Amino acid sequence: MAQLATPAFLEQLKATYPSRDALGSDVVLSNPWCLVAAVAFSASNVPEAIPLIWEYTLRDLVEVQGNELSQEQRQQERLALARRIREALLQSGLLSGMPRVINSLLALNTVMPEELREKQVLRDTNKHMSEFDKSGRDLFLAMYRDTGDAVQSLLDSAYPDLGWWCNTIGYGVTYGGTSVLSQVESSFTIVAALIAVDAPRQITWHLANAQNGGATLDEAKAVRKIAMDVAERAGLVWKAGVPEVV
């Protein structure tokens, strides 16, 4: 397969997301395009693109890091970038399947400097399941807002274990298990994976949820386009198109 994640294509994806009023490292760290692109490539079964996205974004970060930062601060920002990409990929596994995430994270690890690799589990493994029940419910309602109870009832009616699993394992353990990504960034991750696996009902839900979490209409549209551009480049054809952002 010819290289899909070319510098020109990645530059195009980066430019798709609306620019924010940011200075220094925040220009890179506050732009979620790389998370969306990495997840969309991973979910499209193109794990070899992930190291290229990482290296491209890391170069961007290194270029904007100010001289006033200490070496330790520079490393912390680079670790934050690495951690964000890893976490986005992990969260997407609920939707695209863990084998694809495993392949993507292993590919990323081949180019990850030792000092930027994770040394321990970030989630609190000592939490009782009832705590994840509650935190999952809180995050679920924060994302879905007025439609939360209706969606939860739909899941419960299909299979009570499905409703429990989505709430506790999905939202409690997976999406809300760390503070690495914000609520809206998790929504962007979800949207990117859903577009790559052609799940239109859920795409509609989570494009709305991204805006519930604070994304603007233009930002939600940009995430949709980035994920679609990646999936199309990987050869995906949607059965009935991709829902628009409303």
C-alpha atoms as a PDB file:
ATOM      1  CA  MET A   1       0.000   0.000   0.000  1.00  0.00           C
ATOM      2  CA  ALA A   2       1.359   3.405  -0.931  1.00  0.00           C
ATOM      3  CA  GLN A   3       1.952   5.743   1.959  1.00  0.00           C
ATOM      4  CA  LEU A   4      -1.363   7.355   2.793  1.00  0.00           C
ATOM      5  CA  ALA A   5      -0.291   9.732   5.576  1.00  0.00           C
ATOM      6  CA  THR A   6       1.914  11.963   3.447  1.00  0.00           C
ATOM      7  CA  PRO A   7       3.113  15.303   4.871  1.00  0.00           C
ATOM      8  CA  ALA A   8       0.910  17.153   2.377  1.00  0.00           C
ATOM      9  CA  PHE A   9      -2.162  15.185   3.429  1.00  0.00           C
ATOM     10  CA  LEU A  10      -1.452  15.681   7.128  1.00  0.00           C
ATOM     11  CA  GLU A  11      -0.975  19.401   6.523  1.00  0.00           C
ATOM     12  CA  GLN A  12      -4.378  19.459   4.830  1.00  0.00           C
ATOM     13  CA  LEU A  13      -5.996  17.697   7.782  1.00  0.00           C
ATOM     14  CA  LYS A  14      -4.389  20.048  10.289  1.00  0.00           C
ATOM     15  CA  ALA A  15      -5.579  23.088   8.351  1.00  0.00           C
ATOM     16  CA  THR A  16      -9.153  21.769   8.343  1.00  0.00           C
ATOM     17  CA  TYR A  17      -9.648  22.346  12.062  1.00  0.00           C
ATOM     18  CA  PRO A  18     -10.508  25.984  12.913  1.00  0.00           C
ATOM     19  CA  SER A  19      -7.605  27.909  14.398  1.00  0.00           C
ATOM     20  CA  ARG A  20      -7.931  29.053  17.996  1.00  0.00           C
ATOM     21  CA  ASP A  21      -6.460  31.990  19.852  1.00  0.00           C
ATOM     22  CA  ALA A  22      -3.482  30.077  21.210  1.00  0.00           C
ATOM     23  CA  LEU A  23       0.158  30.884  21.836  1.00  0.00           C
ATOM     24  CA  GLY A  24       3.295  28.771  21.983  1.00  0.00           C
ATOM     25  CA  SER A  25       2.797  25.082  22.586  1.00  0.00           C
ATOM     26  CA  ASP A  26      -0.973  25.480  22.917  1.00  0.00           C
ATOM     27  CA  VAL A  27      -1.120  26.028  19.151  1.00  0.00           C
ATOM     28  CA  VAL A  28      -0.306  22.317  18.829  1.00  0.00           C
ATOM     29  CA  LEU A  29      -1.648  20.871  22.065  1.00  0.00           C
ATOM     30  CA  SER A  30      -5.086  22.499  21.767  1.00  0.00           C
ATOM     31  CA  ASN A  31      -5.661  21.330  18.190  1.00  0.00           C
ATOM     32  CA  PRO A  32      -7.258  17.857  18.207  1.00  0.00           C
ATOM     33  CA  TRP A  33      -6.754  17.172  14.491  1.00  0.00           C
ATOM     34  CA  CYS A  34      -4.010  14.625  15.204  1.00  0.00           C
ATOM     35  CA  LEU A  35      -6.259  12.690  17.598  1.00  0.00           C
ATOM     36  CA  VAL A  36      -9.047  12.521  15.024  1.00  0.00           C
ATOM     37  CA  ALA A  37      -6.667  11.551  12.217  1.00  0.00           C
ATOM     38  CA  ALA A  38      -4.919   8.880  14.290  1.00  0.00           C
ATOM     39  CA  VAL A  39      -8.203   7.309  15.364  1.00  0.00           C
ATOM     40  CA  ALA A  40      -9.658   7.429  11.851  1.00  0.00           C
ATOM     41  CA  PHE A  41      -6.567   5.746  10.379  1.00  0.00           C
ATOM     42  CA  SER A  42      -6.527   3.165  13.163  1.00  0.00           C
ATOM     43  CA  ALA A  43     -10.224   2.370  12.789  1.00  0.00           C
ATOM     44  CA  SER A  44      -9.705   2.150   9.015  1.00  0.00           C
ATOM     45  CA  ASN A  45      -7.047  -0.518   9.624  1.00  0.00           C
ATOM     46  CA  VAL A  46      -4.057   1.580   8.578  1.00  0.00           C
ATOM     47  CA  PRO A  47      -1.844   1.321  11.695  1.00  0.00           C
ATOM     48  CA  GLU A  48       1.290   2.259   9.740  1.00  0.00           C
ATOM     49  CA  ALA A  49      -0.044   5.828   9.529  1.00  0.00           C
ATOM     50  CA  ILE A  50       0.047   6.352  13.294  1.00  0.00           C
ATOM     51  CA  PRO A  51       3.845   6.776  13.651  1.00  0.00           C
ATOM     52  CA  LEU A  52       3.781   9.308  10.792  1.00  0.00           C
ATOM     53  CA  ILE A  53       1.078  11.378  12.495  1.00  0.00           C
ATOM     54  CA  TRP A  54       3.042  11.295  15.752  1.00  0.00           C
ATOM     55  CA  GLU A  55       6.314  12.366  14.147  1.00  0.00           C
ATOM     56  CA  TYR A  56       4.625  15.127  12.146  1.00  0.00           C
ATOM     57  CA  THR A  57       2.846  16.539  15.216  1.00  0.00           C
ATOM     58  CA  LEU A  58       5.897  16.216  17.436  1.00  0.00           C
ATOM     59  CA  ARG A  59       7.912  18.285  14.937  1.00  0.00           C
ATOM     60  CA  ASP A  60       5.190  20.928  15.081  1.00  0.00           C
ATOM     61  CA  LEU A  61       5.350  20.972  18.871  1.00  0.00           C
ATOM     62  CA  VAL A  62       9.150  21.182  19.007  1.00  0.00           C
ATOM     63  CA  GLU A  63       9.082  24.120  16.590  1.00  0.00           C
ATOM     64  CA  VAL A  64       6.708  26.204  18.724  1.00  0.00           C
ATOM     65  CA  GLN A  65       8.083  25.436  22.177  1.00  0.00           C
ATOM     66  CA  GLY A  66       9.397  28.709  23.522  1.00  0.00           C
ATOM     67  CA  ASN A  67      12.953  29.288  24.671  1.00  0.00           C
ATOM     68  CA  GLU A  68      11.659  30.269  28.095  1.00  0.00           C
ATOM     69  CA  LEU A  69      10.668  26.665  28.816  1.00  0.00           C
ATOM     70  CA  SER A  70      12.995  24.452  30.790  1.00  0.00           C
ATOM     71  CA  GLN A  71      14.047  21.083  29.404  1.00  0.00           C
ATOM     72  CA  GLU A  72      11.745  19.437  31.942  1.00  0.00           C
ATOM     73  CA  GLN A  73       8.799  21.536  30.769  1.00  0.00           C
ATOM     74  CA  ARG A  74       9.527  20.673  27.148  1.00  0.00           C
ATOM     75  CA  GLN A  75       9.545  16.997  28.016  1.00  0.00           C
ATOM     76  CA  GLN A  76       6.289  17.304  29.932  1.00  0.00           C
ATOM     77  CA  GLU A  77       4.585  18.880  26.924  1.00  0.00           C
ATOM     78  CA  ARG A  78       5.915  16.167  24.632  1.00  0.00           C
ATOM     79  CA  LEU A  79       4.723  13.527  27.069  1.00  0.00           C
ATOM     80  CA  ALA A  80       1.299  15.197  27.124  1.00  0.00           C
ATOM     81  CA  LEU A  81       1.125  14.956  23.328  1.00  0.00           C
ATOM     82  CA  ALA A  82       2.171  11.304  23.319  1.00  0.00           C
ATOM     83  CA  ARG A  83      -0.273  10.525  26.090  1.00  0.00           C
ATOM     84  CA  ARG A  84      -3.159  12.225  24.256  1.00  0.00           C
ATOM     85  CA  ILE A  85      -2.611  10.198  21.083  1.00  0.00           C
ATOM     86  CA  ARG A  86      -2.287   6.934  23.020  1.00  0.00           C
ATOM     87  CA  GLU A  87      -5.421   7.651  25.031  1.00  0.00           C
ATOM     88  CA  ALA A  88      -7.466   8.585  21.954  1.00  0.00           C
ATOM     89  CA  LEU A  89      -6.452   5.333  20.286  1.00  0.00           C
ATOM     90  CA  LEU A  90      -7.293   3.303  23.378  1.00  0.00           C
ATOM     91  CA  GLN A  91     -10.722   4.909  23.742  1.00  0.00           C
ATOM     92  CA  SER A  92     -11.507   4.211  20.088  1.00  0.00           C
ATOM     93  CA  GLY A  93     -11.083   0.478  20.661  1.00  0.00           C
ATOM     94  CA  LEU A  94     -14.626   0.186  22.024  1.00  0.00           C
ATOM     95  CA  LEU A  95     -15.869   1.120  18.566  1.00  0.00           C
ATOM     96  CA  SER A  96     -13.312  -0.106  16.041  1.00  0.00           C
ATOM     97  CA  GLY A  97     -12.144  -3.217  17.923  1.00  0.00           C
ATOM     98  CA  MET A  98      -9.125  -3.750  20.123  1.00  0.00           C
ATOM     99  CA  PRO A  99      -7.064  -5.664  17.537  1.00  0.00           C
ATOM    100  CA  ARG A 100      -6.833  -2.516  15.413  1.00  0.00           C
ATOM    101  CA  VAL A 101      -5.947  -0.420  18.440  1.00  0.00           C
ATOM    102  CA  ILE A 102      -3.298  -2.923  19.523  1.00  0.00           C
ATOM    103  CA  ASN A 103      -1.717  -2.787  16.073  1.00  0.00           C
ATOM    104  CA  SER A 104      -1.802   1.018  16.085  1.00  0.00           C
ATOM    105  CA  LEU A 105      -0.322   1.380  19.567  1.00  0.00           C
ATOM    106  CA  LEU A 106       2.397  -1.161  18.797  1.00  0.00           C
ATOM    107  CA  ALA A 107       3.240   0.739  15.616  1.00  0.00           C
ATOM    108  CA  LEU A 108       3.368   3.999  17.566  1.00  0.00           C
ATOM    109  CA  ASN A 109       5.626   2.431  20.178  1.00  0.00           C
ATOM    110  CA  THR A 110       8.264   1.597  17.554  1.00  0.00           C
ATOM    111  CA  VAL A 111       8.987   5.325  17.098  1.00  0.00           C
ATOM    112  CA  MET A 112       8.225   6.510  20.638  1.00  0.00           C
ATOM    113  CA  PRO A 113      11.298   7.714  22.563  1.00  0.00           C
ATOM    114  CA  GLU A 114      11.842   5.746  25.752  1.00  0.00           C
ATOM    115  CA  GLU A 115      11.360   8.819  27.926  1.00  0.00           C
ATOM    116  CA  LEU A 116       7.891   9.396  26.428  1.00  0.00           C
ATOM    117  CA  ARG A 117       6.607   5.863  26.909  1.00  0.00           C
ATOM    118  CA  GLU A 118       4.091   5.224  29.674  1.00  0.00           C
ATOM    119  CA  LYS A 119       5.532   3.471  32.716  1.00  0.00           C
ATOM    120  CA  GLN A 120       2.341   2.689  34.635  1.00  0.00           C
ATOM    121  CA  VAL A 121      -1.420   2.416  34.260  1.00  0.00           C
ATOM    122  CA  LEU A 122      -3.086   5.843  34.302  1.00  0.00           C
ATOM    123  CA  ARG A 123      -6.502   4.627  35.403  1.00  0.00           C
ATOM    124  CA  ASP A 124      -7.233   4.054  39.077  1.00  0.00           C
ATOM    125  CA  THR A 125      -7.285   0.265  39.246  1.00  0.00           C
ATOM    126  CA  ASN A 126      -8.332   0.347  42.912  1.00  0.00           C
ATOM    127  CA  LYS A 127     -11.702   1.975  42.279  1.00  0.00           C
ATOM    128  CA  HIS A 128     -14.770  -0.052  43.141  1.00  0.00           C
ATOM    129  CA  MET A 129     -17.076  -0.842  40.230  1.00  0.00           C
ATOM    130  CA  SER A 130     -19.852   1.176  41.864  1.00  0.00           C
ATOM    131  CA  GLU A 131     -17.680   4.290  41.483  1.00  0.00           C
ATOM    132  CA  PHE A 132     -17.391   3.631  37.762  1.00  0.00           C
ATOM    133  CA  ASP A 133     -21.174   3.138  37.661  1.00  0.00           C
ATOM    134  CA  LYS A 134     -21.641   6.654  39.014  1.00  0.00           C
ATOM    135  CA  SER A 135     -18.897   8.414  37.077  1.00  0.00           C
ATOM    136  CA  GLY A 136     -20.046   6.677  33.911  1.00  0.00           C
ATOM    137  CA  ARG A 137     -23.614   7.818  34.460  1.00  0.00           C
ATOM    138  CA  ASP A 138     -22.446  11.380  35.116  1.00  0.00           C
ATOM    139  CA  LEU A 139     -20.358  11.487  31.933  1.00  0.00           C
ATOM    140  CA  PHE A 140     -23.100   9.823  29.883  1.00  0.00           C
ATOM    141  CA  LEU A 141     -25.610  12.483  30.926  1.00  0.00           C
ATOM    142  CA  ALA A 142     -23.070  15.274  30.419  1.00  0.00           C
ATOM    143  CA  MET A 143     -22.557  14.095  26.848  1.00  0.00           C
ATOM    144  CA  TYR A 144     -26.166  13.274  25.934  1.00  0.00           C
ATOM    145  CA  ARG A 145     -27.924  15.842  28.113  1.00  0.00           C
ATOM    146  CA  ASP A 146     -31.688  15.852  27.382  1.00  0.00           C
ATOM    147  CA  THR A 147     -31.509  12.673  25.300  1.00  0.00           C
ATOM    148  CA  GLY A 148     -29.495  10.732  27.881  1.00  0.00           C
ATOM    149  CA  ASP A 149     -32.371   8.914  29.561  1.00  0.00           C
ATOM    150  CA  ALA A 150     -33.928   7.966  26.214  1.00  0.00           C
ATOM    151  CA  VAL A 151     -30.644   6.561  24.873  1.00  0.00           C
ATOM    152  CA  GLN A 152     -29.974   4.673  28.103  1.00  0.00           C
ATOM    153  CA  SER A 153     -33.489   3.179  27.978  1.00  0.00           C
ATOM    154  CA  LEU A 154     -32.906   2.135  24.366  1.00  0.00           C
ATOM    155  CA  LEU A 155     -29.701   0.329  25.332  1.00  0.00           C
ATOM    156  CA  ASP A 156     -31.302  -1.280  28.378  1.00  0.00           C
ATOM    157  CA  SER A 157     -34.264  -2.474  26.329  1.00  0.00           C
ATOM    158  CA  ALA A 158     -31.993  -4.183  23.796  1.00  0.00           C
ATOM    159  CA  TYR A 159     -30.162  -6.053  26.576  1.00  0.00           C
ATOM    160  CA  PRO A 160     -29.778  -4.853  30.177  1.00  0.00           C
ATOM    161  CA  ASP A 161     -26.163  -5.975  30.181  1.00  0.00           C
ATOM    162  CA  LEU A 162     -25.567  -3.744  27.151  1.00  0.00           C
ATOM    163  CA  GLY A 163     -26.905  -0.734  29.022  1.00  0.00           C
ATOM    164  CA  TRP A 164     -24.744  -1.528  32.043  1.00  0.00           C
ATOM    165  CA  TRP A 165     -21.664  -2.216  29.918  1.00  0.00           C
ATOM    166  CA  CYS A 166     -21.964   1.039  27.952  1.00  0.00           C
ATOM    167  CA  ASN A 167     -22.505   3.095  31.111  1.00  0.00           C
ATOM    168  CA  THR A 168     -19.920   1.516  33.397  1.00  0.00           C
ATOM    169  CA  ILE A 169     -17.224   0.108  31.126  1.00  0.00           C
ATOM    170  CA  GLY A 170     -17.701   2.516  28.239  1.00  0.00           C
ATOM    171  CA  TYR A 171     -18.234   5.830  29.982  1.00  0.00           C
ATOM    172  CA  GLY A 172     -16.973   5.068  33.470  1.00  0.00           C
ATOM    173  CA  VAL A 173     -13.782   3.101  32.804  1.00  0.00           C
ATOM    174  CA  THR A 174     -12.895   3.957  29.216  1.00  0.00           C
ATOM    175  CA  TYR A 175     -13.982   7.479  28.274  1.00  0.00           C
ATOM    176  CA  GLY A 176     -13.960   8.924  31.780  1.00  0.00           C
ATOM    177  CA  GLY A 177     -11.213   6.816  33.324  1.00  0.00           C
ATOM    178  CA  THR A 178      -8.512   9.462  33.004  1.00  0.00           C
ATOM    179  CA  SER A 179      -8.256  13.232  32.590  1.00  0.00           C
ATOM    180  CA  VAL A 180      -5.900  12.931  29.603  1.00  0.00           C
ATOM    181  CA  LEU A 181      -8.641  13.984  27.171  1.00  0.00           C
ATOM    182  CA  SER A 182     -11.404  16.476  27.780  1.00  0.00           C
ATOM    183  CA  GLN A 183     -15.043  15.494  27.375  1.00  0.00           C
ATOM    184  CA  VAL A 184     -15.216  17.101  23.932  1.00  0.00           C
ATOM    185  CA  GLU A 185     -11.965  15.436  22.838  1.00  0.00           C
ATOM    186  CA  SER A 186     -13.394  12.062  23.802  1.00  0.00           C
ATOM    187  CA  SER A 187     -16.454  12.906  21.707  1.00  0.00           C
ATOM    188  CA  PHE A 188     -14.179  13.754  18.775  1.00  0.00           C
ATOM    189  CA  THR A 189     -12.406  10.414  19.240  1.00  0.00           C
ATOM    190  CA  ILE A 190     -15.743   8.609  19.242  1.00  0.00           C
ATOM    191  CA  VAL A 191     -16.928  10.433  16.107  1.00  0.00           C
ATOM    192  CA  ALA A 192     -13.716   9.617  14.233  1.00  0.00           C
ATOM    193  CA  ALA A 193     -14.013   5.912  15.006  1.00  0.00           C
ATOM    194  CA  LEU A 194     -17.727   5.798  14.208  1.00  0.00           C
ATOM    195  CA  ILE A 195     -17.207   7.422  10.821  1.00  0.00           C
ATOM    196  CA  ALA A 196     -14.510   4.880   9.965  1.00  0.00           C
ATOM    197  CA  VAL A 197     -16.774   1.943  10.929  1.00  0.00           C
ATOM    198  CA  ASP A 198     -19.841   3.421   9.179  1.00  0.00           C
ATOM    199  CA  ALA A 199     -22.247   3.704  12.122  1.00  0.00           C
ATOM    200  CA  PRO A 200     -24.578   6.571  11.108  1.00  0.00           C
ATOM    201  CA  ARG A 201     -27.015   6.435  14.037  1.00  0.00           C
ATOM    202  CA  GLN A 202     -24.207   6.765  16.555  1.00  0.00           C
ATOM    203  CA  ILE A 203     -22.406   9.384  14.425  1.00  0.00           C
ATOM    204  CA  THR A 204     -25.486  11.587  14.734  1.00  0.00           C
ATOM    205  CA  TRP A 205     -25.568  11.088  18.493  1.00  0.00           C
ATOM    206  CA  HIS A 206     -21.932  11.950  19.040  1.00  0.00           C
ATOM    207  CA  LEU A 207     -21.712  14.889  16.654  1.00  0.00           C
ATOM    208  CA  ALA A 208     -24.409  16.386  18.873  1.00  0.00           C
ATOM    209  CA  ASN A 209     -22.562  15.252  22.010  1.00  0.00           C
ATOM    210  CA  ALA A 210     -19.399  17.022  20.865  1.00  0.00           C
ATOM    211  CA  GLN A 211     -21.348  20.260  20.776  1.00  0.00           C
ATOM    212  CA  ASN A 212     -22.910  19.438  24.151  1.00  0.00           C
ATOM    213  CA  GLY A 213     -19.348  19.234  25.472  1.00  0.00           C
ATOM    214  CA  GLY A 214     -18.419  22.672  24.170  1.00  0.00           C
ATOM    215  CA  ALA A 215     -17.366  22.197  20.538  1.00  0.00           C
ATOM    216  CA  THR A 216     -18.557  24.854  18.115  1.00  0.00           C
ATOM    217  CA  LEU A 217     -20.529  23.946  15.014  1.00  0.00           C
ATOM    218  CA  ASP A 218     -17.469  24.667  12.852  1.00  0.00           C
ATOM    219  CA  GLU A 219     -15.272  22.462  15.031  1.00  0.00           C
ATOM    220  CA  ALA A 220     -17.730  19.556  14.837  1.00  0.00           C
ATOM    221  CA  LYS A 221     -17.919  19.975  11.065  1.00  0.00           C
ATOM    222  CA  ALA A 222     -14.124  19.975  10.859  1.00  0.00           C
ATOM    223  CA  VAL A 223     -13.838  16.745  12.867  1.00  0.00           C
ATOM    224  CA  ARG A 224     -16.395  15.106  10.594  1.00  0.00           C
ATOM    225  CA  LYS A 225     -14.437  16.189   7.506  1.00  0.00           C
ATOM    226  CA  ILE A 226     -11.038  15.102   8.872  1.00  0.00           C
ATOM    227  CA  ALA A 227     -12.367  11.644   9.739  1.00  0.00           C
ATOM    228  CA  MET A 228     -14.108  11.329   6.382  1.00  0.00           C
ATOM    229  CA  ASP A 229     -11.019  12.418   4.441  1.00  0.00           C
ATOM    230  CA  VAL A 230      -8.913   9.820   6.253  1.00  0.00           C
ATOM    231  CA  ALA A 231     -11.450   7.014   5.860  1.00  0.00           C
ATOM    232  CA  GLU A 232     -11.954   7.785   2.174  1.00  0.00           C
ATOM    233  CA  ARG A 233      -8.208   7.787   1.631  1.00  0.00           C
ATOM    234  CA  ALA A 234      -8.089   4.361   3.272  1.00  0.00           C
ATOM    235  CA  GLY A 235     -10.724   3.089   0.828  1.00  0.00           C
ATOM    236  CA  LEU A 236     -13.918   3.222   2.885  1.00  0.00           C
ATOM    237  CA  VAL A 237     -17.230   3.603   1.049  1.00  0.00           C
ATOM    238  CA  TRP A 238     -20.255   4.410   3.222  1.00  0.00           C
ATOM    239  CA  LYS A 239     -23.495   2.552   2.627  1.00  0.00           C
ATOM    240  CA  ALA A 240     -25.689   5.610   3.037  1.00  0.00           C
ATOM    241  CA  GLY A 241     -23.315   8.522   3.496  1.00  0.00           C
ATOM    242  CA  VAL A 242     -22.259  10.253   6.700  1.00  0.00           C
ATOM    243  CA  PRO A 243     -24.794  12.301   8.703  1.00  0.00           C
ATOM    244  CA  GLU A 244     -24.322  16.047   8.594  1.00  0.00           C
ATOM    245  CA  VAL A 245     -23.643  18.147  11.669  1.00  0.00           C
ATOM    246  CA  VAL A 246     -26.751  19.923  12.883  1.00  0.00           C
END
